[in-house]
Amino acid sequence: MPQTDMEQGDWVAERIRRKVEAAAFDAAGLQVKVTVSIGVASTAIAGYDLDMLLRAADSALYAAKKRGRNRWLPLKRKRTQPFARSRDRL
């Protein structure tokens, strides 16, 4: 999100998480509750290269999933090694 710092990104991620958690979805006539895990990254940490920014958000997403369901997690600091590509995780 342009012109959004990490704190604002965290706020948006939490707002999305709460909205998804509160929603009920209809799946073949059944009410289904879902949750979401979100990774948050910023150019201040990952830089302006789009590929690196997406990798940073992906890394934060996998860290959030590792800590449990229904949460968001920001990428806290720069990494000294390149972020793994999403397809490398498959």
Protein backbone atom coordinates (compact mmCIF):
# COMPACT_ATOMS: atom_id res chain seq x y z
CA MET A 1 0.00 0.00 0.00
CA PRO A 2 1.66 3.23 -1.11
CA GLN A 3 2.54 5.83 1.50
CA THR A 4 1.95 3.33 4.32
CA ASP A 5 4.51 2.77 7.06
CA MET A 6 4.95 -0.46 9.01
CA GLU A 7 2.69 0.66 11.86
CA GLN A 8 -0.14 1.47 9.45
CA GLY A 9 0.44 -1.84 7.66
CA ASP A 10 0.16 -3.67 10.98
CA TRP A 11 -3.11 -1.84 11.69
CA VAL A 12 -4.53 -2.80 8.27
CA ALA A 13 -3.45 -6.44 8.73
CA GLU A 14 -5.19 -6.63 12.11
CA ARG A 15 -8.33 -5.03 10.70
CA ILE A 16 -8.41 -7.58 7.86
CA ARG A 17 -7.79 -10.43 10.32
CA ARG A 18 -10.70 -9.35 12.52
CA LYS A 19 -13.08 -8.89 9.57
CA VAL A 20 -12.30 -12.35 8.19
CA GLU A 21 -12.60 -13.95 11.63
CA ALA A 22 -16.02 -12.31 12.18
CA ALA A 23 -17.40 -13.30 8.76
CA ALA A 24 -19.38 -16.45 8.03
CA PHE A 25 -19.22 -17.91 4.55
CA ASP A 26 -21.74 -20.17 2.84
CA ALA A 27 -20.21 -23.29 1.33
CA ALA A 28 -22.71 -25.69 -0.21
CA GLY A 29 -25.36 -24.64 2.28
CA LEU A 30 -23.06 -24.84 5.32
CA GLN A 31 -21.92 -21.86 7.36
CA VAL A 32 -18.12 -21.91 7.40
CA LYS A 33 -15.87 -19.82 9.63
CA VAL A 34 -12.34 -19.13 8.42
CA THR A 35 -9.27 -17.34 9.72
CA VAL A 36 -6.34 -15.74 7.97
CA SER A 37 -2.60 -15.44 8.49
CA ILE A 38 -0.92 -12.33 7.08
CA GLY A 39 2.68 -11.29 6.59
CA VAL A 40 3.50 -7.57 6.64
CA ALA A 41 6.64 -6.06 5.10
CA SER A 42 7.74 -2.53 4.25
CA THR A 43 10.18 -0.85 1.95
CA ALA A 44 11.97 0.48 5.03
CA ILE A 45 13.02 -3.09 5.79
CA ALA A 46 12.91 -4.94 2.47
CA GLY A 47 13.81 -2.12 0.08
CA TYR A 48 12.07 -0.95 -3.09
CA ASP A 49 12.65 -4.00 -5.26
CA LEU A 50 9.18 -5.53 -5.74
CA ASP A 51 10.47 -9.10 -5.78
CA MET A 52 12.35 -8.58 -2.50
CA LEU A 53 9.34 -6.85 -0.94
CA LEU A 54 7.06 -9.77 -1.86
CA ARG A 55 9.62 -12.26 -0.57
CA ALA A 56 9.81 -10.34 2.72
CA ALA A 57 6.01 -10.38 3.10
CA ASP A 58 6.01 -14.09 2.23
CA SER A 59 8.68 -14.75 4.84
CA ALA A 60 6.63 -12.90 7.48
CA LEU A 61 3.52 -14.86 6.39
CA TYR A 62 5.26 -18.21 6.89
CA ALA A 63 6.57 -17.04 10.28
CA ALA A 64 2.99 -16.08 11.26
CA LYS A 65 1.69 -19.50 10.18
CA LYS A 66 4.45 -21.21 12.13
CA ARG A 67 3.32 -19.40 15.30
CA GLY A 68 -0.28 -20.52 14.86
CA ARG A 69 -3.46 -19.67 13.04
CA ASN A 70 -5.39 -16.43 12.86
CA ARG A 71 -2.59 -13.90 13.23
CA TRP A 72 -0.48 -11.38 11.41
CA LEU A 73 3.22 -10.85 11.80
CA PRO A 74 5.44 -8.01 10.63
CA LEU A 75 8.91 -8.54 9.27
CA LYS A 76 10.95 -6.91 12.02
CA ARG A 77 14.43 -6.48 10.58
CA LYS A 78 16.50 -6.71 7.43
CA ARG A 79 17.83 -10.11 6.58
CA THR A 80 21.48 -10.64 5.82
CA GLN A 81 20.64 -13.40 3.34
CA PRO A 82 18.22 -13.13 0.41
CA PHE A 83 14.62 -14.13 1.02
CA ALA A 84 13.65 -17.51 -0.44
CA ARG A 85 11.41 -17.42 -3.48
CA SER A 86 7.82 -18.55 -2.89
CA ARG A 87 8.13 -21.32 -5.45
CA ASP A 88 11.26 -22.60 -3.65
CA ARG A 89 9.04 -23.47 -0.67
CA LEU A 90 6.88 -25.89 -2.65
